Amino acid sequence: MDLRQLRTFKSVAELGSLSKASDRLRVAQPALSRHIKLLEHELRIELFTRNGRGMVLTPAGQLLLDRTAGLVRQIEQVRDDIQSVVGAPSGRVVLGLVPTVSCVLSARFARRVIERLPQVKLCIVESYGGHLVEWLHRGEMDMALIYGPSVDLHLSVETLGRDTIVAVGPRGSGLSERKDVSLEWISEQTLVLPSHSHGLRNLIEKALSRKNFPVKVLIEADSFRVLTSFVEDGLGFTLLPHSSVQADAAAGRLEIAAIAKPGLTRELILAAPADRPSSIATAAISGLIKEEIAHLSAEGLWDIRMTEESA
């Protein structure tokens, strides 16, 4: 196996098509097809099932992708780092964001990267924390902004601050007229919440159980946008990071209220694989993330309690 074959294999596996891989790698399709055939011949097994809709990994192909995707990225980053030593940071950086962070950060941050790091190719992947952690462990992602707790993740983590959680209700619910709401009040409402696999659900249930308050969940949704649409349609109340619903509240689609002291917060962490050093481009993106979050906080667009190191 050589690097060209593995790069071709990885691209075809991710895109499911030789033509799409050809566009990404800027290599003619016949050459890519030859790389795949040579790899299959060397391993003496088919890596793809070919059909009219494209190319689908066989079980052996999936195993090869799982074992080599991170390795290929590391080799590519070595090349990018060598080029960055004599010039501006360059290379591809894959950044994972949980949905409630992505809706606040993505557009502004992408613009800042284009302006400040023009040689860096940023790829933003939005998904839930569990998926992002798995991709970090597999080496398929360079870093991710996720919610803690940061213990037991087996990753290199940096706590950026504490994100403030607020109560969210439909227009006309009267939430916006309240200074704050108590946990007891929350326990009396019909709630729409993420499922038990979601860290926010666990945070809410633990806070209520400490006061021996019940949790009345009408319906669950693991999609941030679906959750807010349920609230907007009047199905119930929910609890979310203030920053993620601030724009909807300002537009009058939702109403929000603070949670009475001591309130609820979530640990926001920047996580990266622990078993390999960050590339020069990844380190530059990391610094820019912390800078942008500080700007959002100063502008009142992100109600986050920054740590001393991040502020």
Protein backbone atom coordinates (compact mmCIF):
# COMPACT_ATOMS: atom_id res chain seq x y z
CA MET A 1 0.00 0.00 0.00
CA ASP A 2 1.30 3.46 -0.83
CA LEU A 3 0.00 6.89 0.14
CA ARG A 4 -1.55 7.65 -3.25
CA GLN A 5 -3.60 4.46 -3.14
CA LEU A 6 -4.77 5.13 0.42
CA ARG A 7 -5.66 8.75 -0.37
CA THR A 8 -7.67 7.59 -3.36
CA PHE A 9 -9.37 4.88 -1.32
CA LYS A 10 -10.25 7.35 1.46
CA SER A 11 -11.73 9.89 -0.94
CA VAL A 12 -13.81 7.33 -2.85
CA ALA A 13 -15.01 5.79 0.42
CA GLU A 14 -16.08 9.19 1.80
CA LEU A 15 -17.71 10.42 -1.42
CA GLY A 16 -19.07 7.12 -2.73
CA SER A 17 -18.07 7.96 -6.29
CA LEU A 18 -14.99 7.91 -8.50
CA SER A 19 -16.12 11.06 -10.33
CA LYS A 20 -16.51 13.03 -7.09
CA ALA A 21 -13.15 11.76 -5.83
CA SER A 22 -11.63 12.81 -9.15
CA ASP A 23 -12.92 16.35 -8.65
CA ARG A 24 -11.59 16.49 -5.06
CA LEU A 25 -8.14 15.08 -5.84
CA ARG A 26 -7.89 16.62 -9.32
CA VAL A 27 -6.80 13.29 -10.77
CA ALA A 28 -8.35 11.57 -13.80
CA GLN A 29 -10.88 8.82 -13.05
CA PRO A 30 -8.93 6.04 -14.86
CA ALA A 31 -5.91 6.71 -12.63
CA LEU A 32 -8.05 6.57 -9.49
CA SER A 33 -9.71 3.36 -10.67
CA ARG A 34 -6.25 1.83 -11.21
CA HIS A 35 -5.21 2.80 -7.65
CA ILE A 36 -8.26 1.03 -6.23
CA LYS A 37 -7.68 -2.09 -8.34
CA LEU A 38 -4.01 -2.27 -7.32
CA LEU A 39 -4.97 -1.93 -3.66
CA GLU A 40 -7.60 -4.68 -3.95
CA HIS A 41 -5.11 -6.89 -5.78
CA GLU A 42 -2.48 -6.39 -3.06
CA LEU A 43 -4.97 -7.10 -0.25
CA ARG A 44 -6.62 -9.92 -2.24
CA ILE A 45 -10.12 -8.75 -1.38
CA GLU A 46 -12.76 -6.41 -2.78
CA LEU A 47 -13.01 -3.11 -0.97
CA PHE A 48 -16.08 -1.75 -2.77
CA THR A 49 -19.36 -3.01 -4.16
CA ARG A 50 -19.97 -1.28 -7.48
CA ASN A 51 -23.52 -0.42 -8.51
CA GLY A 52 -25.39 2.15 -10.57
CA ARG A 53 -25.54 4.57 -7.66
CA GLY A 54 -21.81 4.57 -6.95
CA MET A 55 -19.34 2.62 -4.84
CA VAL A 56 -20.20 1.23 -1.40
CA LEU A 57 -17.65 -0.11 1.07
CA THR A 58 -17.56 -3.84 1.73
CA PRO A 59 -16.95 -4.96 5.36
CA ALA A 60 -13.26 -5.29 4.49
CA GLY A 61 -13.28 -1.81 2.97
CA GLN A 62 -14.89 -0.35 6.08
CA LEU A 63 -12.21 -1.98 8.23
CA LEU A 64 -9.47 -0.52 6.05
CA LEU A 65 -11.05 2.95 6.25
CA ASP A 66 -11.34 2.77 10.04
CA ARG A 67 -7.69 1.74 10.40
CA THR A 68 -6.10 4.12 7.87
CA ALA A 69 -8.19 7.32 7.65
CA GLY A 70 -6.45 8.91 10.62
CA LEU A 71 -3.02 7.80 9.37
CA VAL A 72 -3.58 9.40 5.96
CA ARG A 73 -4.63 12.67 7.61
CA GLN A 74 -1.50 12.68 9.78
CA ILE A 75 0.77 12.23 6.76
CA GLU A 76 -1.04 15.01 4.90
CA GLN A 77 -0.64 17.28 7.91
CA VAL A 78 3.12 16.64 8.01
CA ARG A 79 3.31 17.92 4.44
CA ASP A 80 1.18 20.97 5.31
CA ASP A 81 3.30 21.74 8.39
CA ILE A 82 6.53 21.67 6.40
CA GLN A 83 5.02 24.16 3.94
CA SER A 84 3.71 26.30 6.82
CA VAL A 85 7.17 26.61 8.38
CA VAL A 86 8.31 28.90 5.56
CA GLY A 87 4.99 30.65 4.99
CA ALA A 88 1.50 31.26 6.33
CA PRO A 89 -0.39 28.39 8.02
CA SER A 90 -1.82 26.13 5.34
CA GLY A 91 -3.66 22.84 4.98
CA ARG A 92 -7.05 21.33 5.68
CA VAL A 93 -8.56 21.54 9.18
CA VAL A 94 -11.70 19.61 10.11
CA LEU A 95 -13.59 21.32 12.95
CA GLY A 96 -16.55 19.70 14.70
CA LEU A 97 -19.32 21.78 16.27
CA VAL A 98 -22.36 20.74 18.26
CA PRO A 99 -25.55 22.28 16.76
CA THR A 100 -26.18 24.83 19.51
CA VAL A 101 -22.64 26.19 19.04
CA SER A 102 -22.70 25.96 15.25
CA CYS A 103 -25.77 28.20 14.92
CA VAL A 104 -23.94 31.00 16.75
CA LEU A 105 -20.36 30.55 15.58
CA SER A 106 -20.20 28.99 12.10
CA ALA A 107 -20.88 31.91 9.73
CA ARG A 108 -18.85 34.51 11.61
CA PHE A 109 -15.97 32.15 12.20
CA ALA A 110 -15.82 30.99 8.58
CA ARG A 111 -15.60 34.62 7.46
CA ARG A 112 -12.82 35.30 9.96
CA VAL A 113 -10.83 32.26 8.72
CA ILE A 114 -11.15 33.43 5.11
CA GLU A 115 -9.86 36.88 6.08
CA ARG A 116 -7.10 35.86 8.49
CA LEU A 117 -6.01 32.39 7.31
CA PRO A 118 -6.56 32.34 3.54
CA GLN A 119 -4.29 29.31 3.00
CA VAL A 120 -6.25 27.14 5.44
CA LYS A 121 -9.08 25.01 4.06
CA LEU A 122 -11.66 24.83 6.84
CA CYS A 123 -14.21 22.00 6.93
CA ILE A 124 -16.95 22.43 9.57
CA VAL A 125 -18.84 19.29 10.60
CA GLU A 126 -21.99 19.73 12.68
CA SER A 127 -23.11 16.81 14.82
CA TYR A 128 -23.84 15.79 18.39
CA GLY A 129 -21.06 15.47 20.94
CA GLY A 130 -20.91 11.68 20.99
CA HIS A 131 -20.30 11.48 17.25
CA LEU A 132 -17.68 14.23 17.35
CA VAL A 133 -15.79 12.48 20.16
CA GLU A 134 -15.77 9.23 18.17
CA TRP A 135 -14.39 10.97 15.05
CA LEU A 136 -11.71 12.66 17.14
CA HIS A 137 -10.61 9.29 18.52
CA ARG A 138 -10.48 7.83 15.00
CA GLY A 139 -8.30 10.72 13.80
CA GLU A 140 -10.84 11.85 11.22
CA MET A 141 -11.29 15.26 12.85
CA ASP A 142 -8.71 17.76 14.10
CA MET A 143 -10.68 19.45 16.86
CA ALA A 144 -14.21 19.98 18.12
CA LEU A 145 -16.15 22.41 20.27
CA ILE A 146 -18.32 20.26 22.51
CA TYR A 147 -19.94 20.36 25.90
CA GLY A 148 -18.43 18.67 28.95
CA PRO A 149 -17.87 17.30 31.43
CA SER A 150 -14.36 16.93 30.10
CA VAL A 151 -13.35 14.02 32.34
CA ASP A 152 -13.06 10.51 30.89
CA LEU A 153 -13.02 11.70 27.28
CA HIS A 154 -9.41 10.51 26.76
CA LEU A 155 -8.79 13.57 24.61
CA SER A 156 -6.65 16.68 24.87
CA VAL A 157 -9.17 19.21 26.24
CA GLU A 158 -9.22 22.88 27.14
CA THR A 159 -12.15 24.39 29.03
CA LEU A 160 -13.15 27.68 27.40
CA GLY A 161 -15.94 28.69 29.76
CA ARG A 162 -19.42 27.92 31.06
CA ASP A 163 -22.38 28.36 28.70
CA THR A 164 -25.53 29.74 30.36
CA ILE A 165 -28.76 27.70 30.03
CA VAL A 166 -32.13 29.49 29.83
CA ALA A 167 -35.79 28.48 29.82
CA VAL A 168 -37.37 28.73 26.36
CA GLY A 169 -41.08 29.09 25.62
CA PRO A 170 -43.41 30.01 22.75
CA ARG A 171 -44.48 33.53 21.88
CA GLY A 172 -47.16 34.70 24.30
CA SER A 173 -46.01 32.40 27.10
CA GLY A 174 -45.04 35.36 29.30
CA LEU A 175 -41.46 34.16 29.82
CA SER A 176 -39.97 37.40 28.51
CA GLU A 177 -41.81 39.34 31.23
CA ARG A 178 -40.17 37.32 34.01
CA LYS A 179 -36.85 38.21 35.60
CA ASP A 180 -36.13 34.50 36.02
CA VAL A 181 -37.83 31.16 36.63
CA SER A 182 -37.15 28.64 39.37
CA LEU A 183 -36.41 24.95 38.99
CA GLU A 184 -39.72 24.31 40.73
CA TRP A 185 -41.53 26.31 38.03
CA ILE A 186 -39.71 24.32 35.34
CA SER A 187 -40.77 21.03 36.96
CA GLU A 188 -44.41 22.12 36.72
CA GLN A 189 -44.27 22.74 32.97
CA THR A 190 -44.67 20.30 30.10
CA LEU A 191 -41.24 19.99 28.54
CA VAL A 192 -39.84 19.02 25.14
CA LEU A 193 -36.27 17.79 25.62
CA PRO A 194 -33.47 15.81 23.93
CA SER A 195 -33.31 12.07 24.61
CA HIS A 196 -31.40 10.54 27.52
CA SER A 197 -28.30 10.08 25.34
CA HIS A 198 -27.92 13.85 25.20
CA GLY A 199 -25.78 15.60 27.83
CA LEU A 200 -28.24 18.49 28.20
CA ARG A 201 -31.04 16.10 29.19
CA ASN A 202 -28.83 14.60 31.90
CA LEU A 203 -27.90 18.06 33.18
CA ILE A 204 -31.56 19.10 33.46
CA GLU A 205 -32.72 15.89 35.12
CA LYS A 206 -29.88 15.95 37.67
CA ALA A 207 -30.66 19.56 38.61
CA LEU A 208 -34.34 18.75 39.15
CA SER A 209 -33.71 15.46 40.95
CA ARG A 210 -31.44 17.18 43.49
CA LYS A 211 -34.53 19.17 44.54
CA ASN A 212 -36.80 16.09 44.27
CA PHE A 213 -38.73 17.79 41.47
CA PRO A 214 -40.37 15.68 38.73
CA VAL A 215 -39.63 16.00 35.01
CA LYS A 216 -42.69 16.06 32.72
CA VAL A 217 -41.49 15.34 29.16
CA LEU A 218 -44.14 15.38 26.44
CA ILE A 219 -41.91 14.57 23.47
CA GLU A 220 -38.19 14.12 22.74
CA ALA A 221 -36.14 15.43 19.83
CA ASP A 222 -32.39 15.14 19.25
CA SER A 223 -32.44 17.85 16.58
CA PHE A 224 -31.91 21.38 17.86
CA ARG A 225 -34.06 22.89 15.11
CA VAL A 226 -36.85 20.36 15.64
CA LEU A 227 -36.76 21.08 19.37
CA THR A 228 -37.18 24.83 18.88
CA SER A 229 -39.94 24.26 16.32
CA PHE A 230 -41.85 22.19 18.89
CA VAL A 231 -41.58 25.07 21.35
CA GLU A 232 -42.56 27.63 18.71
CA ASP A 233 -45.68 25.55 17.94
CA GLY A 234 -46.65 25.61 21.61
CA LEU A 235 -46.03 21.96 22.45
CA GLY A 236 -44.09 22.82 25.58
CA PHE A 237 -41.07 24.56 27.12
CA THR A 238 -37.42 23.57 26.84
CA LEU A 239 -34.00 24.58 28.17
CA LEU A 240 -31.15 25.53 25.85
CA PRO A 241 -27.95 27.60 25.79
CA HIS A 242 -28.87 31.29 25.72
CA SER A 243 -26.70 32.01 22.69
CA SER A 244 -28.48 29.40 20.54
CA VAL A 245 -31.95 30.98 20.96
CA GLN A 246 -31.05 34.65 21.37
CA ALA A 247 -31.74 35.51 17.71
CA ASP A 248 -35.13 33.70 17.76
CA ALA A 249 -36.07 35.57 20.92
CA ALA A 250 -35.05 38.93 19.43
CA ALA A 251 -37.18 38.15 16.35
CA GLY A 252 -40.18 37.38 18.56
CA ARG A 253 -40.44 33.72 17.57
CA LEU A 254 -39.57 32.49 21.06
CA GLU A 255 -39.46 33.87 24.61
CA ILE A 256 -36.66 33.20 27.08
CA ALA A 257 -36.00 33.70 30.78
CA ALA A 258 -32.98 33.16 33.01
CA ILE A 259 -32.97 30.33 35.54
CA ALA A 260 -32.91 31.53 39.14
CA LYS A 261 -29.59 31.37 40.99
CA PRO A 262 -27.43 29.37 41.06
CA GLY A 263 -28.73 28.75 37.53
CA LEU A 264 -27.64 26.10 35.05
CA THR A 265 -24.46 26.18 32.98
CA ARG A 266 -22.57 23.76 30.73
CA GLU A 267 -18.82 23.39 30.37
CA LEU A 268 -17.71 24.36 26.86
CA ILE A 269 -14.50 22.58 25.84
CA LEU A 270 -12.19 22.56 22.86
CA ALA A 271 -11.14 18.95 22.31
CA ALA A 272 -8.47 17.38 20.10
CA PRO A 273 -6.90 13.92 19.73
CA ALA A 274 -4.52 13.21 22.59
CA ASP A 275 -2.23 10.85 20.68
CA ARG A 276 -0.87 13.26 18.06
CA PRO A 277 0.34 16.87 17.98
CA SER A 278 -1.79 19.57 16.40
CA SER A 279 -0.72 20.83 13.00
CA ILE A 280 0.34 24.46 12.57
CA ALA A 281 -2.93 25.19 10.77
CA THR A 282 -4.96 23.50 13.52
CA ALA A 283 -3.18 25.54 16.20
CA ALA A 284 -3.95 28.73 14.26
CA ILE A 285 -7.64 27.76 14.01
CA SER A 286 -7.68 27.01 17.74
CA GLY A 287 -6.41 30.48 18.56
CA LEU A 288 -8.92 32.07 16.21
CA ILE A 289 -11.80 30.14 17.82
CA LYS A 290 -10.97 31.47 21.27
CA GLU A 291 -10.58 34.98 19.87
CA GLU A 292 -13.98 34.83 18.12
CA ILE A 293 -15.78 33.48 21.19
CA ALA A 294 -14.30 36.33 23.24
CA HIS A 295 -15.59 38.82 20.65
CA LEU A 296 -19.07 37.27 20.70
CA SER A 297 -19.09 37.41 24.48
CA ALA A 298 -17.97 41.06 24.54
CA GLU A 299 -20.68 41.97 22.02
CA GLY A 300 -23.35 40.32 24.16
CA LEU A 301 -24.05 37.65 21.51
CA TRP A 302 -22.83 34.74 23.63
CA ASP A 303 -23.65 34.58 27.33
CA ILE A 304 -20.61 32.55 28.33
CA ARG A 305 -18.52 32.79 31.48
CA MET A 306 -15.01 32.72 30.03
CA THR A 307 -12.14 31.08 31.89
CA GLU A 308 -9.17 33.31 32.75
CA GLU A 309 -6.95 31.57 30.17
CA SER A 310 -9.50 32.02 27.37
CA ALA A 311 -10.56 35.56 28.19
